[in-house]
């Protein structure tokens, strides 16, 4: 418990107190926000944000790493392969976002990496994650990830290797890649208003901290794992280490939100939003709750969902629009909603969805206990 609390405290202090230091560096380096140019969809209400320091996601990425490592070694809980895999996804997706942000800042246009180049970068990050996550079993045969599709835990009849080892590996990598790319792009689309992605990310990663900590308290013992019986316990390999890293990340976002809340002094940029998606993807896979994650992190689906609906409606109706502008939070802006009203209501929705997900997770455990 000391590791978890220390990790959260260090990460919170790092982003809360050191963000002004980073902002001075960002201004010196010219890392200012680029607002959409006339060639893109133009939103005049955002023009005042031009020049605000961006790429602030690097701050909470660093804060998470520092808090996680200090917490682990302070509490005598050395990092495990599961924790490093979450860090890998956070840093890897963040690096793809950083390249995109840097290209925008350097060219002073809102065009960075193309969509397909982003996806290629994400795949380059996800494939090693998937490979390592299903390798290196411990003494009881537990690997960080599972070869099953999972809801509250592994679903026995949803085995990804049912068609043999070679096809099974391809299906498994495709499944994990889909999860990683989907969550990373979803969080990226959601990051459009001050404090929106950071606030929603706090609820989601905070909920996952509770999920994996409960898995740690109800962890299967060695005989239970070997017996392969449908007990109420959880075979998650390193649940406490996952709780440490997710708590560190959530706390780092809290400290960052102090400076990112409306009116923002710093923007997280793609480096931050994509890192959030990487953490959500990794936590859902390693805690074996990929399908439940759709509910827990459901607030991150509203934005990309509205974009998909907009494009489908546009094609079906041959030019008509379902929303004034997509993603949905920009539609509300065009309807006259204030930025703070939209952000706070999205936080409320995120909290309700996260609590509902954790509640269903607990109810499922009660039905087995």
Protein backbone atom coordinates (compact mmCIF):
# COMPACT_ATOMS: atom_id res chain seq x y z
CA UNK A 1 0.00 0.00 0.00
CA UNK A 2 2.94 2.29 0.68
CA UNK A 3 4.08 1.90 -2.93
CA UNK A 4 0.67 2.85 -4.30
CA UNK A 5 0.24 5.93 -2.11
CA UNK A 6 3.82 7.09 -2.65
CA UNK A 7 3.56 6.69 -6.42
CA UNK A 8 0.35 8.72 -6.52
CA UNK A 9 1.75 11.44 -4.23
CA UNK A 10 5.01 11.82 -6.17
CA UNK A 11 3.23 11.94 -9.55
CA UNK A 12 0.73 14.50 -8.26
CA UNK A 13 3.46 16.71 -6.80
CA UNK A 14 5.54 16.43 -9.98
CA UNK A 15 2.85 17.72 -12.33
CA UNK A 16 1.27 20.15 -9.89
CA UNK A 17 4.43 21.98 -8.88
CA UNK A 18 6.79 21.47 -11.84
CA UNK A 19 4.40 22.29 -14.69
CA UNK A 20 5.23 26.06 -14.49
CA UNK A 21 8.92 25.16 -14.91
CA UNK A 22 8.15 23.13 -18.01
CA UNK A 23 5.95 25.90 -19.39
CA UNK A 24 8.86 28.35 -19.30
CA UNK A 25 10.90 25.84 -21.29
CA UNK A 26 8.07 25.24 -23.77
CA UNK A 27 7.76 28.99 -24.42
CA UNK A 28 11.50 29.28 -24.92
CA UNK A 29 11.42 26.37 -27.41
CA UNK A 30 8.42 27.83 -29.23
CA UNK A 31 6.02 24.99 -28.42
CA UNK A 32 2.86 27.05 -28.92
CA UNK A 33 -0.56 25.72 -29.90
CA UNK A 34 -1.42 25.89 -33.60
CA UNK A 35 -5.10 26.60 -34.29
CA UNK A 36 -6.81 25.11 -37.32
CA UNK A 37 -6.10 27.03 -40.49
CA UNK A 38 -8.74 28.07 -43.06
CA UNK A 39 -8.04 24.95 -45.13
CA UNK A 40 -9.44 22.95 -42.21
CA UNK A 41 -12.74 23.36 -40.38
CA UNK A 42 -12.32 26.74 -38.70
CA UNK A 43 -13.67 27.56 -35.25
CA UNK A 44 -13.24 31.29 -34.52
CA UNK A 45 -13.97 30.84 -30.81
CA UNK A 46 -10.67 29.00 -30.41
CA UNK A 47 -8.54 31.70 -32.04
CA UNK A 48 -7.66 33.18 -28.63
CA UNK A 49 -5.93 29.92 -27.70
CA UNK A 50 -3.27 30.35 -30.37
CA UNK A 51 0.22 30.30 -28.89
CA UNK A 52 -0.71 28.59 -25.61
CA UNK A 53 2.07 26.13 -24.68
CA UNK A 54 1.31 22.66 -25.99
CA UNK A 55 2.80 19.14 -25.78
CA UNK A 56 2.06 19.23 -22.05
CA UNK A 57 1.45 15.49 -22.15
CA UNK A 58 5.20 15.09 -21.80
CA UNK A 59 4.84 16.48 -18.28
CA UNK A 60 2.41 13.87 -16.96
CA UNK A 61 4.23 11.10 -18.84
CA UNK A 62 7.42 12.01 -16.99
CA UNK A 63 5.49 12.47 -13.74
CA UNK A 64 3.99 9.00 -14.05
CA UNK A 65 7.35 7.35 -14.67
CA UNK A 66 9.01 9.15 -11.75
CA UNK A 67 6.11 8.45 -9.38
CA UNK A 68 5.86 4.81 -10.44
CA UNK A 69 9.57 4.09 -9.97
CA UNK A 70 9.85 5.96 -6.66
CA UNK A 71 6.70 4.28 -5.36
CA UNK A 72 7.85 0.81 -6.37
CA UNK A 73 11.24 1.03 -4.73
CA UNK A 74 10.02 2.94 -1.66
CA UNK A 75 7.55 0.19 -0.86
CA UNK A 76 9.95 -2.61 -1.82
CA UNK A 77 7.79 -3.66 -4.78
CA UNK A 78 10.16 -3.69 -7.76
CA UNK A 79 8.57 -3.02 -11.16
CA UNK A 80 7.18 -6.07 -12.94
CA UNK A 81 6.85 -6.84 -16.62
CA UNK A 82 3.16 -5.83 -16.45
CA UNK A 83 4.01 -2.36 -15.15
CA UNK A 84 6.69 -1.89 -17.78
CA UNK A 85 4.24 -2.88 -20.49
CA UNK A 86 1.88 -0.09 -19.40
CA UNK A 87 4.80 2.35 -19.42
CA UNK A 88 5.74 1.11 -22.90
CA UNK A 89 2.28 1.81 -24.28
CA UNK A 90 2.14 5.22 -22.59
CA UNK A 91 5.56 6.31 -23.85
CA UNK A 92 5.22 4.65 -27.26
CA UNK A 93 1.87 6.19 -28.13
CA UNK A 94 3.03 9.44 -26.59
CA UNK A 95 6.06 9.40 -28.92
CA UNK A 96 3.80 9.03 -31.96
CA UNK A 97 1.75 11.98 -30.71
CA UNK A 98 4.90 13.98 -30.01
CA UNK A 99 6.06 13.58 -33.61
CA UNK A 100 2.64 14.76 -34.80
CA UNK A 101 2.70 17.78 -32.44
CA UNK A 102 6.27 18.72 -33.33
CA UNK A 103 5.47 18.68 -37.04
CA UNK A 104 2.55 21.05 -36.43
CA UNK A 105 4.61 23.43 -34.30
CA UNK A 106 7.52 23.45 -36.73
CA UNK A 107 5.34 24.15 -39.79
CA UNK A 108 2.89 26.38 -37.85
CA UNK A 109 -0.03 24.55 -39.44
CA UNK A 110 -2.50 22.12 -37.93
CA UNK A 111 -1.39 19.33 -40.27
CA UNK A 112 1.00 16.83 -38.71
CA UNK A 113 1.13 13.12 -39.38
CA UNK A 114 -1.50 11.79 -41.74
CA UNK A 115 -4.07 9.38 -40.33
CA UNK A 116 -2.44 6.31 -41.81
CA UNK A 117 1.02 7.32 -40.62
CA UNK A 118 -0.34 7.64 -37.10
CA UNK A 119 -1.85 4.17 -37.34
CA UNK A 120 1.44 2.73 -38.61
CA UNK A 121 3.23 4.31 -35.67
CA UNK A 122 0.66 2.90 -33.26
CA UNK A 123 1.02 -0.57 -34.77
CA UNK A 124 4.79 -0.38 -34.36
CA UNK A 125 4.19 0.24 -30.64
CA UNK A 126 1.41 -2.32 -30.15
CA UNK A 127 2.96 -5.38 -31.84
CA UNK A 128 5.94 -5.64 -29.42
CA UNK A 129 3.53 -5.03 -26.53
CA UNK A 130 1.28 -7.88 -27.68
CA UNK A 131 4.21 -10.24 -28.22
CA UNK A 132 5.80 -9.62 -24.82
CA UNK A 133 2.45 -9.61 -23.02
CA UNK A 134 1.80 -13.22 -24.04
CA UNK A 135 5.33 -14.37 -23.30
CA UNK A 136 7.49 -14.91 -20.21
CA UNK A 137 5.09 -16.97 -18.03
CA UNK A 138 5.77 -17.10 -14.29
CA UNK A 139 6.02 -20.27 -12.18
CA UNK A 140 2.26 -20.89 -12.49
CA UNK A 141 2.06 -20.25 -16.21
CA UNK A 142 0.64 -16.74 -15.93
CA UNK A 143 1.53 -14.27 -18.68
CA UNK A 144 0.77 -10.54 -18.41
CA UNK A 145 -1.99 -10.77 -21.04
CA UNK A 146 -4.38 -13.55 -21.94
CA UNK A 147 -5.18 -15.46 -25.13
CA UNK A 148 -8.89 -14.99 -24.43
CA UNK A 149 -11.30 -12.14 -25.06
CA UNK A 150 -12.35 -10.91 -21.64
CA UNK A 151 -15.27 -9.08 -20.07
CA UNK A 152 -14.93 -9.15 -16.27
CA UNK A 153 -12.38 -11.94 -16.67
CA UNK A 154 -11.44 -14.37 -19.45
CA UNK A 155 -14.39 -15.87 -21.31
CA UNK A 156 -13.44 -19.58 -21.81
CA UNK A 157 -15.13 -20.03 -25.19
CA UNK A 158 -13.62 -16.84 -26.65
CA UNK A 159 -10.17 -18.36 -27.14
CA UNK A 160 -8.17 -16.53 -29.80
CA UNK A 161 -6.00 -19.55 -30.60
CA UNK A 162 -8.91 -21.84 -31.50
CA UNK A 163 -7.73 -22.12 -35.13
CA UNK A 164 -4.18 -23.15 -34.32
CA UNK A 165 -0.96 -21.51 -33.13
CA UNK A 166 -0.03 -19.52 -36.25
CA UNK A 167 -3.49 -18.19 -37.04
CA UNK A 168 -4.07 -17.78 -33.30
CA UNK A 169 -1.06 -15.47 -32.98
CA UNK A 170 -2.23 -13.41 -35.95
CA UNK A 171 -5.75 -13.13 -34.53
CA UNK A 172 -4.39 -12.25 -31.08
CA UNK A 173 -2.06 -9.54 -32.43
CA UNK A 174 -4.88 -8.15 -34.60
CA UNK A 175 -7.19 -8.03 -31.54
CA UNK A 176 -4.64 -6.27 -29.33
CA UNK A 177 -3.72 -3.90 -32.17
CA UNK A 178 -7.36 -2.99 -32.69
CA UNK A 179 -7.75 -2.21 -28.98
CA UNK A 180 -4.63 -0.07 -28.88
CA UNK A 181 -5.33 1.89 -32.06
CA UNK A 182 -9.01 2.35 -31.19
CA UNK A 183 -8.41 3.73 -27.70
CA UNK A 184 -5.50 5.92 -28.75
CA UNK A 185 -7.48 7.55 -31.55
CA UNK A 186 -10.60 7.84 -29.38
CA UNK A 187 -8.77 9.79 -26.69
CA UNK A 188 -7.09 11.89 -29.38
CA UNK A 189 -10.43 12.89 -30.90
CA UNK A 190 -11.85 13.69 -27.45
CA UNK A 191 -9.05 16.15 -26.69
CA UNK A 192 -10.68 19.26 -28.14
CA UNK A 193 -11.57 21.45 -25.16
CA UNK A 194 -9.63 22.67 -22.13
CA UNK A 195 -9.46 19.95 -19.49
CA UNK A 196 -11.78 17.56 -21.29
CA UNK A 197 -9.46 14.62 -22.00
CA UNK A 198 -7.52 15.07 -18.75
CA UNK A 199 -10.65 15.08 -16.59
CA UNK A 200 -12.19 12.08 -18.32
CA UNK A 201 -8.84 10.28 -18.14
CA UNK A 202 -8.75 10.76 -14.36
CA UNK A 203 -12.09 8.98 -13.94
CA UNK A 204 -11.12 6.14 -16.27
CA UNK A 205 -7.65 5.41 -14.91
CA UNK A 206 -8.88 5.96 -11.37
CA UNK A 207 -11.56 3.32 -11.99
CA UNK A 208 -8.94 0.93 -13.33
CA UNK A 209 -6.86 1.51 -10.21
CA UNK A 210 -9.83 0.23 -8.18
CA UNK A 211 -10.37 -2.73 -10.51
CA UNK A 212 -6.81 -4.01 -10.38
CA UNK A 213 -6.48 -3.31 -6.65
CA UNK A 214 -9.58 -5.45 -6.07
CA UNK A 215 -8.03 -8.13 -8.28
CA UNK A 216 -4.96 -7.96 -6.05
CA UNK A 217 -7.10 -8.46 -2.93
CA UNK A 218 -8.91 -11.37 -4.60
CA UNK A 219 -5.93 -12.84 -6.41
CA UNK A 220 -5.85 -16.56 -7.11
CA UNK A 221 -3.32 -18.53 -5.12
CA UNK A 222 -0.99 -21.00 -6.82
CA UNK A 223 -3.20 -24.11 -6.25
CA UNK A 224 -6.24 -22.27 -7.60
CA UNK A 225 -4.39 -21.30 -10.76
CA UNK A 226 -3.13 -24.83 -11.38
CA UNK A 227 -6.56 -26.31 -10.69
CA UNK A 228 -8.16 -24.14 -13.39
CA UNK A 229 -11.44 -23.90 -11.48
CA UNK A 230 -14.05 -21.14 -12.02
CA UNK A 231 -13.47 -19.40 -8.69
CA UNK A 232 -14.25 -15.81 -7.79
CA UNK A 233 -10.52 -15.03 -7.67
CA UNK A 234 -8.64 -13.34 -10.51
CA UNK A 235 -5.60 -14.82 -12.32
CA UNK A 236 -4.26 -11.37 -13.31
CA UNK A 237 -0.50 -11.69 -13.14
CA UNK A 238 0.68 -8.47 -11.44
CA UNK A 239 -2.43 -6.67 -10.19
CA UNK A 240 -0.74 -4.65 -7.47
CA UNK A 241 1.92 -3.32 -9.84
CA UNK A 242 -0.84 -2.39 -12.29
CA UNK A 243 -2.59 -0.55 -9.45
CA UNK A 244 0.61 1.39 -8.73
CA UNK A 245 1.16 2.53 -12.31
CA UNK A 246 -2.50 3.40 -12.94
CA UNK A 247 -2.70 5.34 -9.65
CA UNK A 248 0.49 7.20 -10.57
CA UNK A 249 -0.98 8.07 -13.97
CA UNK A 250 -4.33 9.21 -12.55
CA UNK A 251 -2.57 11.38 -9.95
CA UNK A 252 -0.29 12.88 -12.61
CA UNK A 253 -3.40 13.84 -14.60
CA UNK A 254 -4.93 15.47 -11.51
CA UNK A 255 -1.87 17.68 -11.07
CA UNK A 256 -1.80 18.48 -14.78
CA UNK A 257 -5.51 19.32 -14.79
CA UNK A 258 -4.81 22.18 -12.35
CA UNK A 259 -3.03 23.93 -15.25
CA UNK A 260 -5.13 22.46 -18.08
CA UNK A 261 -8.63 23.25 -16.74
CA UNK A 262 -10.51 26.09 -18.50
CA UNK A 263 -8.96 28.51 -19.25
CA UNK A 264 -5.93 26.31 -19.92
CA UNK A 265 -2.38 27.49 -19.32
CA UNK A 266 -1.10 24.45 -21.22
CA UNK A 267 -2.50 21.91 -23.68
CA UNK A 268 -1.59 18.22 -23.53
CA UNK A 269 -1.32 17.89 -27.31
CA UNK A 270 -1.44 14.59 -29.18
CA UNK A 271 1.48 13.39 -27.09
CA UNK A 272 -0.78 13.51 -24.04
CA UNK A 273 -4.08 12.35 -25.50
CA UNK A 274 -2.52 9.38 -27.26
CA UNK A 275 -0.60 8.43 -24.11
CA UNK A 276 -3.91 8.33 -22.22
CA UNK A 277 -5.27 5.96 -24.86
CA UNK A 278 -2.19 3.78 -24.53
CA UNK A 279 -2.64 3.47 -20.77
CA UNK A 280 -6.35 2.63 -21.11
CA UNK A 281 -5.62 -0.02 -23.75
CA UNK A 282 -2.83 -1.58 -21.70
CA UNK A 283 -4.84 -1.59 -18.47
CA UNK A 284 -7.86 -3.20 -20.12
CA UNK A 285 -5.74 -5.92 -21.73
CA UNK A 286 -3.52 -6.70 -18.74
CA UNK A 287 -6.43 -6.67 -16.25
CA UNK A 288 -8.38 -8.90 -18.66
CA UNK A 289 -11.36 -6.55 -18.92
CA UNK A 290 -11.21 -5.42 -22.56
CA UNK A 291 -14.97 -5.46 -23.14
CA UNK A 292 -15.76 -3.91 -19.74
CA UNK A 293 -13.35 -1.13 -20.68
CA UNK A 294 -15.82 0.03 -23.32
CA UNK A 295 -18.16 0.98 -20.45
CA UNK A 296 -15.54 2.27 -18.01
CA UNK A 297 -13.98 4.51 -20.68
CA UNK A 298 -17.25 5.08 -22.54
CA UNK A 299 -16.94 8.87 -22.40
CA UNK A 300 -13.99 8.59 -24.78
CA UNK A 301 -16.25 6.88 -27.33
CA UNK A 302 -18.72 9.79 -27.63
CA UNK A 303 -16.38 11.94 -29.72
CA UNK A 304 -15.24 9.37 -32.30
CA UNK A 305 -18.72 7.85 -32.35
CA UNK A 306 -20.16 11.21 -33.39
CA UNK A 307 -17.52 11.54 -36.12
CA UNK A 308 -18.47 8.13 -37.53
CA UNK A 309 -22.18 8.95 -37.40
CA UNK A 310 -21.55 12.31 -39.09
CA UNK A 311 -19.70 10.71 -41.99
CA UNK A 312 -22.24 7.91 -42.42
CA UNK A 313 -25.16 10.35 -42.34
CA UNK A 314 -23.37 12.66 -44.78
CA UNK A 315 -22.91 9.84 -47.30
CA UNK A 316 -26.41 8.37 -46.90
CA UNK A 317 -28.16 11.74 -47.22
CA UNK A 318 -25.74 12.98 -49.92
CA UNK A 319 -24.44 16.07 -48.20
CA UNK A 320 -26.61 16.67 -45.15
CA UNK A 321 -25.08 16.85 -41.68
CA UNK A 322 -26.32 15.20 -38.50
CA UNK A 323 -24.29 17.56 -36.28
CA UNK A 324 -23.29 21.17 -36.84
CA UNK A 325 -19.72 20.02 -36.34
CA UNK A 326 -18.05 16.86 -35.15
CA UNK A 327 -16.80 15.64 -32.69
CA UNK A 328 -19.92 16.11 -30.58
CA UNK A 329 -18.37 18.58 -28.12
CA UNK A 330 -17.80 21.02 -31.02
CA UNK A 331 -21.43 20.56 -32.05
CA UNK A 332 -22.45 21.74 -28.58
CA UNK A 333 -20.12 24.72 -28.94
CA UNK A 334 -21.80 25.65 -32.21
CA UNK A 335 -25.16 25.40 -30.42
CA UNK A 336 -24.03 28.08 -27.99
CA UNK A 337 -22.89 26.00 -25.01
CA UNK A 338 -19.99 27.48 -23.08
CA UNK A 339 -16.76 25.50 -22.99
CA UNK A 340 -16.87 25.00 -19.22
CA UNK A 341 -20.47 23.70 -19.39
CA UNK A 342 -19.52 21.08 -21.96
CA UNK A 343 -16.39 20.00 -20.11
CA UNK A 344 -18.04 19.63 -16.69
CA UNK A 345 -20.97 17.67 -18.13
CA UNK A 346 -18.57 15.36 -19.93
CA UNK A 347 -16.75 14.83 -16.64
CA UNK A 348 -20.08 13.89 -15.03
CA UNK A 349 -20.82 11.43 -17.82
CA UNK A 350 -17.33 9.96 -17.50
CA UNK A 351 -17.75 9.56 -13.74
CA UNK A 352 -21.14 7.87 -14.11
CA UNK A 353 -19.84 5.43 -16.73
CA UNK A 354 -16.70 4.63 -14.75
CA UNK A 355 -18.66 4.03 -11.52
CA UNK A 356 -21.15 1.85 -13.41
CA UNK A 357 -18.33 -0.22 -14.86
CA UNK A 358 -16.68 -0.73 -11.49
CA UNK A 359 -20.08 -1.54 -9.95
CA UNK A 360 -20.80 -4.23 -12.54
CA UNK A 361 -17.31 -5.62 -12.00
CA UNK A 362 -18.05 -5.95 -8.27
CA UNK A 363 -21.53 -7.44 -8.87
CA UNK A 364 -19.98 -10.11 -11.11
CA UNK A 365 -17.58 -11.00 -8.31
CA UNK A 366 -20.48 -11.25 -5.84
CA UNK A 367 -22.29 -13.65 -8.17
CA UNK A 368 -19.28 -15.99 -8.02
CA UNK A 369 -18.27 -15.56 -4.38
